[in-house]
Amino acid sequence: MDAVTTYLSGLPQFFAYFVSALILTFLYAFIYSKLTPHKEWSLIKANVPAAAIAFSGSLLGFVIALASAIANSVNLVDCWLWGLVALIVQLGTFFCVRLFMPRISERLANNELAAGTWLAAASLGAGLLNAASLTY
């Protein structure tokens, strides 16, 4: 019974980190969809695969970095701070891709899969590099 009690003693911390991760993820999705010129949710609801691929890659890139922040943080405040850094890096990735492909939003709206795949790959790459950098 002591083993069960020991395992369950970490449950409040698990929930604190998990709920924090959910909040940060929803915050990221909200901010990202407000800052990009195209309307992700409308395009995804209209069954535009290029937009879904791009947004999914961006979201996964953020979550990969956030997972690293959770795994390497010393406390919940540290996790939140590095989670916000991950959020900024992922938002910056979109704007960097946009420098090289200025009409990316228009191309996503036109369901150009190459544009969606490129943005997804750049977002995942940034997320992986961000995650690796968070292992200080």
N, C-alpha and C. Protein backbone atom coordinates (compact mmCIF):
# COMPACT_ATOMS: atom_id res chain seq x y z
N MET A 1 0.82 -1.20 0.00
CA MET A 1 0.00 0.00 0.00
C MET A 1 0.86 1.25 0.00
N ASP A 2 2.03 1.19 0.62
CA ASP A 2 2.92 2.35 0.63
C ASP A 2 3.36 2.72 -0.77
N ALA A 3 3.56 1.73 -1.62
CA ALA A 3 3.98 2.00 -3.00
C ALA A 3 2.91 2.78 -3.73
N VAL A 4 1.65 2.41 -3.54
CA VAL A 4 0.54 3.11 -4.20
C VAL A 4 0.47 4.56 -3.70
N THR A 5 0.61 4.74 -2.40
CA THR A 5 0.58 6.08 -1.82
C THR A 5 1.73 6.92 -2.37
N THR A 6 2.90 6.31 -2.50
CA THR A 6 4.06 7.02 -3.05
C THR A 6 3.80 7.44 -4.48
N TYR A 7 3.27 6.54 -5.30
CA TYR A 7 2.98 6.88 -6.69
C TYR A 7 1.92 7.97 -6.79
N LEU A 8 0.90 7.88 -5.99
CA LEU A 8 -0.19 8.84 -6.05
C LEU A 8 0.20 10.21 -5.50
N SER A 9 1.27 10.28 -4.73
CA SER A 9 1.68 11.57 -4.17
C SER A 9 2.11 12.55 -5.26
N GLY A 10 2.50 12.04 -6.42
CA GLY A 10 2.89 12.90 -7.53
C GLY A 10 1.73 13.33 -8.41
N LEU A 11 0.54 12.84 -8.13
CA LEU A 11 -0.63 13.14 -8.95
C LEU A 11 -0.95 14.64 -9.05
N PRO A 12 -0.90 15.39 -7.95
CA PRO A 12 -1.17 16.83 -8.07
C PRO A 12 -0.18 17.55 -9.00
N GLN A 13 1.07 17.17 -8.93
CA GLN A 13 2.07 17.78 -9.83
C GLN A 13 1.81 17.38 -11.27
N PHE A 14 1.45 16.13 -11.49
CA PHE A 14 1.10 15.69 -12.84
C PHE A 14 -0.02 16.55 -13.40
N PHE A 15 -1.08 16.72 -12.63
CA PHE A 15 -2.21 17.51 -13.10
C PHE A 15 -1.82 18.97 -13.32
N ALA A 16 -0.98 19.52 -12.46
CA ALA A 16 -0.54 20.91 -12.62
C ALA A 16 0.22 21.09 -13.94
N TYR A 17 1.12 20.18 -14.24
CA TYR A 17 1.88 20.26 -15.49
C TYR A 17 0.99 19.97 -16.70
N PHE A 18 0.12 18.98 -16.58
CA PHE A 18 -0.75 18.61 -17.69
C PHE A 18 -1.72 19.74 -18.03
N VAL A 19 -2.36 20.30 -17.02
CA VAL A 19 -3.29 21.40 -17.24
C VAL A 19 -2.54 22.62 -17.79
N SER A 20 -1.35 22.88 -17.27
CA SER A 20 -0.53 23.97 -17.80
C SER A 20 -0.22 23.75 -19.27
N ALA A 21 0.12 22.52 -19.62
CA ALA A 21 0.42 22.20 -21.03
C ALA A 21 -0.81 22.41 -21.90
N LEU A 22 -1.96 22.01 -21.42
CA LEU A 22 -3.20 22.23 -22.19
C LEU A 22 -3.48 23.72 -22.38
N ILE A 23 -3.32 24.49 -21.33
CA ILE A 23 -3.56 25.93 -21.41
C ILE A 23 -2.58 26.57 -22.39
N LEU A 24 -1.30 26.21 -22.28
CA LEU A 24 -0.29 26.77 -23.19
C LEU A 24 -0.56 26.36 -24.64
N THR A 25 -1.00 25.13 -24.84
CA THR A 25 -1.29 24.66 -26.19
C THR A 25 -2.49 25.40 -26.78
N PHE A 26 -3.54 25.56 -26.02
CA PHE A 26 -4.69 26.33 -26.50
C PHE A 26 -4.32 27.79 -26.73
N LEU A 27 -3.49 28.34 -25.85
CA LEU A 27 -3.02 29.71 -26.02
C LEU A 27 -2.23 29.84 -27.32
N TYR A 28 -1.35 28.87 -27.56
CA TYR A 28 -0.57 28.88 -28.80
C TYR A 28 -1.49 28.84 -30.02
N ALA A 29 -2.42 27.90 -30.04
CA ALA A 29 -3.32 27.75 -31.18
C ALA A 29 -4.13 29.02 -31.40
N PHE A 30 -4.57 29.65 -30.33
CA PHE A 30 -5.36 30.88 -30.43
C PHE A 30 -4.51 32.01 -31.01
N ILE A 31 -3.33 32.23 -30.44
CA ILE A 31 -2.47 33.33 -30.89
C ILE A 31 -2.03 33.09 -32.33
N TYR A 32 -1.62 31.86 -32.64
CA TYR A 32 -1.17 31.54 -33.99
C TYR A 32 -2.27 31.83 -35.01
N SER A 33 -3.47 31.40 -34.70
CA SER A 33 -4.58 31.59 -35.65
C SER A 33 -4.97 33.06 -35.77
N LYS A 34 -4.67 33.88 -34.76
CA LYS A 34 -4.96 35.32 -34.84
C LYS A 34 -3.86 36.08 -35.59
N LEU A 35 -2.61 35.62 -35.50
CA LEU A 35 -1.49 36.33 -36.11
C LEU A 35 -1.27 35.99 -37.59
N THR A 36 -1.71 34.83 -38.00
CA THR A 36 -1.51 34.46 -39.40
C THR A 36 -2.60 35.10 -40.25
N PRO A 37 -2.25 35.54 -41.45
CA PRO A 37 -3.24 36.20 -42.31
C PRO A 37 -4.37 35.29 -42.77
N HIS A 38 -4.10 34.00 -42.89
CA HIS A 38 -5.16 33.08 -43.31
C HIS A 38 -5.94 32.60 -42.09
N LYS A 39 -7.11 32.12 -42.32
CA LYS A 39 -7.99 31.67 -41.24
C LYS A 39 -7.95 30.15 -41.14
N GLU A 40 -7.05 29.64 -40.28
CA GLU A 40 -6.84 28.19 -40.18
C GLU A 40 -8.12 27.42 -39.96
N TRP A 41 -8.89 27.83 -38.98
CA TRP A 41 -10.07 27.06 -38.60
C TRP A 41 -11.09 27.02 -39.73
N SER A 42 -11.28 28.14 -40.39
CA SER A 42 -12.23 28.17 -41.52
C SER A 42 -11.74 27.27 -42.64
N LEU A 43 -10.44 27.34 -42.93
CA LEU A 43 -9.88 26.52 -44.01
C LEU A 43 -9.95 25.03 -43.66
N ILE A 44 -9.66 24.70 -42.43
CA ILE A 44 -9.70 23.29 -42.01
C ILE A 44 -11.15 22.79 -42.04
N LYS A 45 -12.09 23.61 -41.57
CA LYS A 45 -13.50 23.22 -41.63
C LYS A 45 -13.98 23.06 -43.06
N ALA A 46 -13.36 23.81 -43.98
CA ALA A 46 -13.73 23.73 -45.41
C ALA A 46 -12.96 22.60 -46.11
N ASN A 47 -12.27 21.77 -45.32
CA ASN A 47 -11.56 20.60 -45.85
C ASN A 47 -10.43 20.99 -46.81
N VAL A 48 -9.59 21.93 -46.37
CA VAL A 48 -8.43 22.34 -47.14
C VAL A 48 -7.20 21.67 -46.53
N PRO A 49 -6.75 20.56 -47.13
CA PRO A 49 -5.64 19.79 -46.54
C PRO A 49 -4.35 20.59 -46.33
N ALA A 50 -4.01 21.49 -47.23
CA ALA A 50 -2.77 22.26 -47.08
C ALA A 50 -2.77 23.04 -45.77
N ALA A 51 -3.90 23.64 -45.43
CA ALA A 51 -4.02 24.41 -44.18
C ALA A 51 -3.94 23.47 -42.97
N ALA A 52 -4.57 22.32 -43.07
CA ALA A 52 -4.54 21.35 -41.96
C ALA A 52 -3.13 20.82 -41.74
N ILE A 53 -2.42 20.54 -42.82
CA ILE A 53 -1.04 20.04 -42.71
C ILE A 53 -0.15 21.10 -42.07
N ALA A 54 -0.25 22.34 -42.55
CA ALA A 54 0.57 23.43 -42.02
C ALA A 54 0.29 23.67 -40.55
N PHE A 55 -0.99 23.74 -40.19
CA PHE A 55 -1.35 24.01 -38.80
C PHE A 55 -0.96 22.84 -37.90
N SER A 56 -1.15 21.62 -38.37
CA SER A 56 -0.77 20.45 -37.58
C SER A 56 0.73 20.42 -37.32
N GLY A 57 1.52 20.72 -38.34
CA GLY A 57 2.96 20.76 -38.16
C GLY A 57 3.38 21.82 -37.16
N SER A 58 2.75 22.97 -37.24
CA SER A 58 3.05 24.05 -36.31
C SER A 58 2.68 23.66 -34.88
N LEU A 59 1.51 23.08 -34.72
CA LEU A 59 1.06 22.67 -33.40
C LEU A 59 1.96 21.57 -32.83
N LEU A 60 2.31 20.60 -33.66
CA LEU A 60 3.20 19.54 -33.18
C LEU A 60 4.59 20.08 -32.85
N GLY A 61 5.09 21.01 -33.65
CA GLY A 61 6.38 21.63 -33.33
C GLY A 61 6.35 22.31 -31.97
N PHE A 62 5.26 23.00 -31.68
CA PHE A 62 5.12 23.64 -30.38
C PHE A 62 5.05 22.61 -29.26
N VAL A 63 4.25 21.57 -29.45
CA VAL A 63 4.05 20.57 -28.40
C VAL A 63 5.35 19.80 -28.12
N ILE A 64 6.14 19.54 -29.16
CA ILE A 64 7.43 18.87 -28.96
C ILE A 64 8.32 19.72 -28.05
N ALA A 65 8.39 21.02 -28.35
CA ALA A 65 9.20 21.91 -27.52
C ALA A 65 8.62 22.03 -26.11
N LEU A 66 7.30 22.09 -26.01
CA LEU A 66 6.65 22.17 -24.70
C LEU A 66 6.92 20.91 -23.88
N ALA A 67 6.90 19.76 -24.51
CA ALA A 67 7.21 18.50 -23.81
C ALA A 67 8.62 18.54 -23.24
N SER A 68 9.55 19.09 -23.99
CA SER A 68 10.91 19.22 -23.51
C SER A 68 10.98 20.19 -22.33
N ALA A 69 10.22 21.27 -22.42
CA ALA A 69 10.18 22.23 -21.31
C ALA A 69 9.64 21.57 -20.04
N ILE A 70 8.62 20.76 -20.19
CA ILE A 70 8.05 20.05 -19.04
C ILE A 70 9.07 19.08 -18.46
N ALA A 71 9.71 18.31 -19.32
CA ALA A 71 10.66 17.29 -18.86
C ALA A 71 11.89 17.89 -18.20
N ASN A 72 12.27 19.10 -18.61
CA ASN A 72 13.52 19.67 -18.11
C ASN A 72 13.34 20.82 -17.13
N SER A 73 12.11 21.19 -16.85
CA SER A 73 11.90 22.33 -15.94
C SER A 73 12.14 21.92 -14.50
N VAL A 74 12.53 22.90 -13.70
CA VAL A 74 12.78 22.64 -12.28
C VAL A 74 11.53 22.87 -11.44
N ASN A 75 10.58 23.63 -11.99
CA ASN A 75 9.31 23.84 -11.30
C ASN A 75 8.30 24.35 -12.33
N LEU A 76 7.09 24.59 -11.89
CA LEU A 76 6.02 24.98 -12.80
C LEU A 76 6.25 26.36 -13.42
N VAL A 77 6.81 27.28 -12.65
CA VAL A 77 7.11 28.61 -13.20
C VAL A 77 8.14 28.50 -14.31
N ASP A 78 9.18 27.72 -14.10
CA ASP A 78 10.21 27.47 -15.11
C ASP A 78 9.58 26.87 -16.37
N CYS A 79 8.68 25.94 -16.17
CA CYS A 79 7.98 25.31 -17.28
C CYS A 79 7.18 26.34 -18.08
N TRP A 80 6.46 27.20 -17.39
CA TRP A 80 5.66 28.23 -18.07
C TRP A 80 6.56 29.19 -18.84
N LEU A 81 7.66 29.60 -18.25
CA LEU A 81 8.56 30.54 -18.93
C LEU A 81 9.13 29.93 -20.21
N TRP A 82 9.60 28.67 -20.12
CA TRP A 82 10.15 28.02 -21.31
C TRP A 82 9.05 27.66 -22.30
N GLY A 83 7.86 27.41 -21.80
CA GLY A 83 6.72 27.18 -22.69
C GLY A 83 6.40 28.43 -23.49
N LEU A 84 6.50 29.58 -22.86
CA LEU A 84 6.27 30.84 -23.57
C LEU A 84 7.38 31.11 -24.58
N VAL A 85 8.61 30.72 -24.24
CA VAL A 85 9.71 30.83 -25.21
C VAL A 85 9.41 29.95 -26.42
N ALA A 86 8.95 28.74 -26.17
CA ALA A 86 8.60 27.83 -27.26
C ALA A 86 7.50 28.43 -28.13
N LEU A 87 6.53 29.06 -27.50
CA LEU A 87 5.45 29.72 -28.23
C LEU A 87 6.00 30.81 -29.15
N ILE A 88 6.89 31.62 -28.65
CA ILE A 88 7.48 32.71 -29.44
C ILE A 88 8.31 32.15 -30.59
N VAL A 89 9.07 31.10 -30.33
CA VAL A 89 9.89 30.50 -31.39
C VAL A 89 8.99 29.97 -32.51
N GLN A 90 7.92 29.29 -32.16
CA GLN A 90 7.03 28.74 -33.19
C GLN A 90 6.32 29.83 -33.97
N LEU A 91 5.91 30.89 -33.31
CA LEU A 91 5.30 32.01 -34.03
C LEU A 91 6.33 32.63 -34.96
N GLY A 92 7.54 32.78 -34.48
CA GLY A 92 8.61 33.33 -35.30
C GLY A 92 8.91 32.48 -36.51
N THR A 93 8.74 31.19 -36.37
CA THR A 93 8.99 30.28 -37.49
C THR A 93 8.05 30.59 -38.65
N PHE A 94 6.78 30.82 -38.35
CA PHE A 94 5.85 31.17 -39.42
C PHE A 94 6.31 32.42 -40.16
N PHE A 95 6.71 33.43 -39.40
CA PHE A 95 7.11 34.69 -40.03
C PHE A 95 8.43 34.55 -40.79
N CYS A 96 9.31 33.67 -40.35
CA CYS A 96 10.54 33.40 -41.10
C CYS A 96 10.23 32.67 -42.41
N VAL A 97 9.35 31.69 -42.35
CA VAL A 97 8.95 30.99 -43.58
C VAL A 97 8.30 31.98 -44.54
N ARG A 98 7.55 32.88 -43.99
CA ARG A 98 6.87 33.89 -44.81
C ARG A 98 7.85 34.81 -45.54
N LEU A 99 9.04 35.00 -44.97
CA LEU A 99 10.06 35.79 -45.66
C LEU A 99 10.50 35.12 -46.96
N PHE A 100 10.58 33.80 -46.91
CA PHE A 100 11.02 33.05 -48.08
C PHE A 100 9.87 32.71 -49.03
N MET A 101 8.68 32.70 -48.50
CA MET A 101 7.50 32.40 -49.30
C MET A 101 6.42 33.42 -48.92
N PRO A 102 6.54 34.64 -49.46
CA PRO A 102 5.67 35.74 -49.01
C PRO A 102 4.17 35.48 -49.15
N ARG A 103 3.76 34.67 -50.09
CA ARG A 103 2.34 34.41 -50.32
C ARG A 103 1.89 33.09 -49.67
N ILE A 104 2.55 32.69 -48.60
CA ILE A 104 2.25 31.39 -47.97
C ILE A 104 0.78 31.29 -47.57
N SER A 105 0.21 32.33 -47.01
CA SER A 105 -1.19 32.28 -46.58
C SER A 105 -2.12 32.10 -47.77
N GLU A 106 -1.85 32.80 -48.84
CA GLU A 106 -2.65 32.67 -50.06
C GLU A 106 -2.51 31.26 -50.63
N ARG A 107 -1.30 30.74 -50.59
CA ARG A 107 -1.06 29.40 -51.13
C ARG A 107 -1.77 28.34 -50.29
N LEU A 108 -1.80 28.52 -48.98
CA LEU A 108 -2.52 27.58 -48.12
C LEU A 108 -4.02 27.65 -48.41
N ALA A 109 -4.52 28.85 -48.54
CA ALA A 109 -5.95 29.02 -48.84
C ALA A 109 -6.31 28.40 -50.18
N ASN A 110 -5.35 28.38 -51.10
CA ASN A 110 -5.56 27.76 -52.42
C ASN A 110 -5.25 26.27 -52.41
N ASN A 111 -5.04 25.72 -51.25
CA ASN A 111 -4.79 24.29 -51.05
C ASN A 111 -3.56 23.78 -51.79
N GLU A 112 -2.49 24.57 -51.80
CA GLU A 112 -1.24 24.14 -52.40
C GLU A 112 -0.49 23.29 -51.37
N LEU A 113 -0.51 21.99 -51.58
CA LEU A 113 0.06 21.06 -50.61
C LEU A 113 1.55 21.26 -50.38
N ALA A 114 2.27 21.67 -51.41
CA ALA A 114 3.71 21.91 -51.23
C ALA A 114 3.95 23.00 -50.19
N ALA A 115 3.16 24.05 -50.23
CA ALA A 115 3.30 25.14 -49.26
C ALA A 115 2.95 24.66 -47.85
N GLY A 116 1.87 23.90 -47.73
CA GLY A 116 1.47 23.37 -46.42
C GLY A 116 2.50 22.41 -45.85
N THR A 117 3.04 21.56 -46.72
CA THR A 117 4.05 20.60 -46.27
C THR A 117 5.33 21.32 -45.86
N TRP A 118 5.74 22.31 -46.64
CA TRP A 118 6.96 23.07 -46.32
C TRP A 118 6.81 23.78 -44.97
N LEU A 119 5.67 24.44 -44.74
CA LEU A 119 5.46 25.13 -43.47
C LEU A 119 5.42 24.13 -42.31
N ALA A 120 4.78 22.99 -42.52
CA ALA A 120 4.73 21.97 -41.47
C ALA A 120 6.13 21.46 -41.15
N ALA A 121 6.94 21.20 -42.17
CA ALA A 121 8.30 20.70 -41.96
C ALA A 121 9.16 21.74 -41.25
N ALA A 122 9.05 23.00 -41.65
CA ALA A 122 9.81 24.06 -40.99
C ALA A 122 9.39 24.19 -39.53
N SER A 123 8.10 24.07 -39.27
CA SER A 123 7.60 24.18 -37.90
C SER A 123 8.06 23.01 -37.04
N LEU A 124 8.02 21.81 -37.61
CA LEU A 124 8.50 20.64 -36.87
C LEU A 124 10.01 20.74 -36.62
N GLY A 125 10.75 21.18 -37.63
CA GLY A 125 12.19 21.35 -37.46
C GLY A 125 12.51 22.36 -36.37
N ALA A 126 11.81 23.48 -36.38
CA ALA A 126 12.02 24.50 -35.34
C ALA A 126 11.65 23.94 -33.96
N GLY A 127 10.57 23.18 -33.91
CA GLY A 127 10.16 22.58 -32.64
C GLY A 127 11.19 21.61 -32.09
N LEU A 128 11.77 20.80 -32.97
CA LEU A 128 12.80 19.84 -32.54
C LEU A 128 14.06 20.56 -32.06
N LEU A 129 14.49 21.58 -32.81
CA LEU A 129 15.66 22.34 -32.39
C LEU A 129 15.40 23.07 -31.08
N ASN A 130 14.21 23.61 -30.96
CA ASN A 130 13.81 24.29 -29.73
C ASN A 130 13.81 23.30 -28.56
N ALA A 131 13.26 22.13 -28.78
CA ALA A 131 13.22 21.11 -27.73
C ALA A 131 14.62 20.71 -27.29
N ALA A 132 15.51 20.52 -28.26
CA ALA A 132 16.89 20.15 -27.93
C ALA A 132 17.59 21.27 -27.17
N SER A 133 17.27 22.50 -27.52
CA SER A 133 17.89 23.65 -26.85
C SER A 133 17.37 23.82 -25.42
N LEU A 134 16.22 23.27 -25.14
CA LEU A 134 15.62 23.38 -23.81
C LEU A 134 16.15 22.33 -22.83
N THR A 135 17.14 21.58 -23.23
CA THR A 135 17.66 20.53 -22.34
C THR A 135 18.82 21.01 -21.49
N TYR A 136 19.03 22.32 -21.47
CA TYR A 136 20.12 22.90 -20.68
C TYR A 136 20.45 22.04 -19.54
